[in-house]
Amino acid sequence: MIKGDRLRKLRLEKGLTQDELAEIVGVSKASISCYENETRAPKSETIIDFIQIFGVNADYLLGSDKIIKVVEDEEIPFKALTKEEVIFLDELKKNKMVYDILLEDPKKCAKLIKSKIG
């Protein structure tokens, strides 16, 4: 079951009515209302549509405390992060020096790490 309050918030942030969102994802207005009131769960395909429309990951829609928004810039490619990857980055950020070095040249750092661990 997705978090209805989060879906409602995302819909309103995009300036969409329930009717408009329903038309975009191919369901009825009543279905959107049920998702927002958490009386009905959307199909997997509909959740994927929500992820793409709102630029969030599934964890957020399902109730995770972390949100990753997609920058709306066609020049910047993006990939969704797993929960483990988010935890890894959070831990990495605790060591600012290492984090800054990795950000400076990620490919070089990856090669260095690979050479050290085999």
Protein backbone atom coordinates (compact mmCIF):
# COMPACT_ATOMS: atom_id res chain seq x y z
CA MET A 1 0.00 0.00 0.00
CA ILE A 2 1.38 3.41 -0.90
CA LYS A 3 1.25 6.36 1.47
CA GLY A 4 -1.82 8.30 0.41
CA ASP A 5 -0.74 11.53 2.05
CA ARG A 6 2.51 11.48 0.09
CA LEU A 7 0.70 10.83 -3.19
CA ARG A 8 -1.71 13.71 -2.47
CA LYS A 9 1.19 16.04 -1.59
CA LEU A 10 3.08 15.16 -4.77
CA ARG A 11 -0.05 15.59 -6.90
CA LEU A 12 -0.77 19.01 -5.42
CA GLU A 13 2.88 20.09 -5.80
CA LYS A 14 2.56 19.31 -9.52
CA GLY A 15 -0.68 21.29 -9.64
CA LEU A 16 -2.72 18.30 -10.77
CA THR A 17 -6.31 17.48 -9.92
CA GLN A 18 -7.35 13.91 -9.19
CA ASP A 19 -9.05 13.87 -12.61
CA GLU A 20 -5.87 15.00 -14.38
CA LEU A 21 -3.65 12.48 -12.60
CA ALA A 22 -6.20 9.73 -13.27
CA GLU A 23 -6.17 10.52 -16.98
CA ILE A 24 -2.36 10.52 -17.10
CA VAL A 25 -2.00 7.08 -15.47
CA GLY A 26 -5.12 5.55 -17.05
CA VAL A 27 -7.29 4.98 -13.99
CA SER A 28 -10.48 6.58 -12.68
CA LYS A 29 -10.68 9.64 -10.44
CA ALA A 30 -12.24 7.32 -7.83
CA SER A 31 -9.12 5.16 -7.94
CA ILE A 32 -6.86 8.15 -7.26
CA SER A 33 -9.12 9.12 -4.36
CA CYS A 34 -8.89 5.57 -2.98
CA TYR A 35 -5.08 5.56 -3.29
CA GLU A 36 -4.89 8.89 -1.45
CA ASN A 37 -7.27 7.63 1.27
CA GLU A 38 -5.40 4.31 1.42
CA THR A 39 -8.52 2.23 0.81
CA ARG A 40 -7.16 0.64 -2.37
CA ALA A 41 -3.64 -0.23 -3.50
CA PRO A 42 -2.53 0.70 -7.02
CA LYS A 43 -1.14 -1.88 -9.43
CA SER A 44 2.64 -2.06 -9.85
CA GLU A 45 2.37 -0.38 -13.25
CA THR A 46 0.53 2.56 -11.70
CA ILE A 47 3.20 2.92 -8.99
CA ILE A 48 5.83 3.02 -11.73
CA ASP A 49 3.83 5.75 -13.46
CA PHE A 50 3.74 7.75 -10.20
CA ILE A 51 7.52 7.35 -9.80
CA GLN A 52 8.11 8.71 -13.30
CA ILE A 53 5.58 11.53 -13.03
CA PHE A 54 6.70 12.80 -9.64
CA GLY A 55 10.41 12.03 -9.80
CA VAL A 56 10.53 10.06 -6.56
CA ASN A 57 11.49 6.48 -5.78
CA ALA A 58 9.19 3.64 -4.77
CA ASP A 59 10.53 3.66 -1.19
CA TYR A 60 9.18 7.17 -0.73
CA LEU A 61 5.73 6.25 -2.04
CA LEU A 62 5.72 3.14 0.14
CA GLY A 63 6.62 5.05 3.29
CA SER A 64 10.38 5.44 3.46
CA ASP A 65 11.59 8.47 5.38
CA LYS A 66 14.05 9.41 2.64
CA ILE A 67 13.07 11.16 -0.57
CA ILE A 68 15.11 11.45 -3.71
CA LYS A 69 13.77 13.94 -6.21
CA VAL A 70 14.82 13.94 -9.82
CA VAL A 71 16.21 17.16 -11.18
CA GLU A 72 14.08 18.16 -14.14
CA ASP A 73 16.95 18.70 -16.54
CA GLU A 74 17.15 16.56 -19.65
CA GLU A 75 20.95 16.98 -19.68
CA ILE A 76 21.42 15.26 -16.32
CA PRO A 77 20.96 11.48 -16.43
CA PHE A 78 19.62 9.89 -13.26
CA LYS A 79 19.22 6.50 -11.69
CA ALA A 80 17.09 5.54 -8.72
CA LEU A 81 19.07 4.51 -5.65
CA THR A 82 18.39 1.45 -3.56
CA LYS A 83 17.95 1.78 0.19
CA GLU A 84 21.41 0.22 0.66
CA GLU A 85 22.99 2.78 -1.69
CA VAL A 86 21.37 5.65 0.22
CA ILE A 87 22.68 4.22 3.51
CA PHE A 88 26.14 3.83 1.96
CA LEU A 89 26.17 7.46 0.81
CA ASP A 90 24.95 8.66 4.20
CA GLU A 91 27.80 6.79 5.90
CA LEU A 92 30.31 8.05 3.33
CA LYS A 93 29.25 11.66 3.93
CA LYS A 94 30.22 11.29 7.59
CA ASN A 95 33.87 11.37 6.43
CA LYS A 96 33.90 14.67 4.55
CA MET A 97 37.48 14.39 3.30
CA VAL A 98 36.93 10.97 1.72
CA TYR A 99 33.55 12.02 0.34
CA ASP A 100 35.01 15.16 -1.26
CA ILE A 101 37.86 13.19 -2.83
CA LEU A 102 35.42 10.65 -4.28
CA LEU A 103 33.24 13.41 -5.72
CA GLU A 104 36.23 15.14 -7.29
CA ASP A 105 37.02 12.20 -9.59
CA PRO A 106 34.72 9.19 -9.08
CA LYS A 107 36.17 7.10 -11.93
CA LYS A 108 39.75 7.54 -10.71
CA CYS A 109 38.70 6.63 -7.15
CA ALA A 110 36.81 3.56 -8.34
CA LYS A 111 39.91 2.35 -10.24
CA LEU A 112 42.08 2.96 -7.18
CA ILE A 113 39.73 1.04 -4.89
CA LYS A 114 39.49 -1.82 -7.40
CA SER A 115 43.29 -2.03 -7.65
CA LYS A 116 43.60 -2.18 -3.84
CA ILE A 117 41.01 -4.91 -3.28
CA GLY A 118 41.76 -6.92 -6.41
